[in-house]
Amino acid sequence: MIGLYPIGFVAETSYPLNFGPWMLGGLIPLFIGLALLITYFVIRKDAPPAPEVPPEEVAEPTGDR
């Protein structure tokens, strides 16, 4: 997008802030990417917490056989 901005100075047109239609080549992909990121974070569901499993009780060896 920064690379396309100087075209406005070279073209010497009367677009406001030299921001002409050539900027669409950079702005459309930028906003599509931003929309994808926003929808990812808005729709994302946090994983449910893992259920706590109580530790298994281990029988201690008594030494008697």
Protein backbone atom coordinates (compact mmCIF):
# COMPACT_ATOMS: atom_id res chain seq x y z
CA MET A 1 0.00 0.00 0.00
CA ILE A 2 2.85 2.40 0.77
CA GLY A 3 4.39 1.50 -2.58
CA LEU A 4 1.22 2.55 -4.43
CA TYR A 5 0.81 5.93 -2.73
CA PRO A 6 3.46 7.82 -4.78
CA ILE A 7 1.49 7.09 -7.96
CA GLY A 8 -0.80 9.95 -6.89
CA PHE A 9 2.10 12.38 -7.05
CA VAL A 10 3.31 11.09 -10.40
CA ALA A 11 -0.16 11.05 -11.97
CA GLU A 12 -0.76 14.68 -10.98
CA THR A 13 -4.49 14.19 -10.60
CA SER A 14 -6.90 16.04 -8.37
CA TYR A 15 -7.75 13.14 -6.07
CA PRO A 16 -7.90 14.17 -2.41
CA LEU A 17 -4.60 13.44 -0.68
CA ASN A 18 -3.43 11.84 -3.98
CA PHE A 19 -5.44 8.80 -2.95
CA GLY A 20 -6.76 7.48 -6.25
CA PRO A 21 -8.31 4.27 -7.54
CA TRP A 22 -4.88 2.60 -7.81
CA MET A 23 -4.91 2.31 -4.03
CA LEU A 24 -7.68 -0.31 -4.29
CA GLY A 25 -4.98 -2.83 -5.26
CA GLY A 26 -3.63 -2.57 -1.72
CA LEU A 27 -6.67 -1.59 0.31
CA ILE A 28 -9.04 -4.36 -0.81
CA PRO A 29 -6.68 -7.19 0.26
CA LEU A 30 -5.90 -5.28 3.47
CA PHE A 31 -9.54 -5.04 4.50
CA ILE A 32 -10.30 -8.62 3.44
CA GLY A 33 -7.47 -9.77 5.68
CA LEU A 34 -8.67 -7.61 8.54
CA ALA A 35 -12.21 -8.98 8.13
CA LEU A 36 -10.86 -12.54 8.29
CA LEU A 37 -8.91 -11.79 11.47
CA ILE A 38 -11.84 -10.05 13.13
CA THR A 39 -14.25 -12.88 12.34
CA TYR A 40 -11.73 -15.43 13.63
CA PHE A 41 -11.42 -13.71 17.00
CA VAL A 42 -15.13 -12.89 17.33
CA ILE A 43 -16.42 -16.35 16.40
CA ARG A 44 -13.66 -18.33 18.12
CA LYS A 45 -14.90 -20.49 20.95
CA ASP A 46 -12.57 -21.11 23.81
CA ALA A 47 -11.85 -24.76 24.41
CA PRO A 48 -13.77 -26.17 27.36
CA PRO A 49 -11.57 -26.75 30.38
CA ALA A 50 -10.25 -30.26 30.74
CA PRO A 51 -12.14 -32.22 33.38
CA GLU A 52 -10.16 -32.79 36.52
CA VAL A 53 -9.34 -36.43 36.95
CA PRO A 54 -8.71 -37.36 40.55
CA PRO A 55 -5.34 -39.02 41.01
CA GLU A 56 -5.60 -42.77 41.20
CA GLU A 57 -4.80 -44.18 44.57
CA VAL A 58 -1.89 -46.53 44.32
CA ALA A 59 -1.83 -49.42 46.78
CA GLU A 60 1.43 -49.39 48.65
CA PRO A 61 3.30 -52.65 48.68
CA THR A 62 3.21 -54.25 52.11
CA GLY A 63 6.18 -56.51 51.66
CA ASP A 64 4.15 -59.60 52.67
CA ARG A 65 3.88 -62.28 50.08
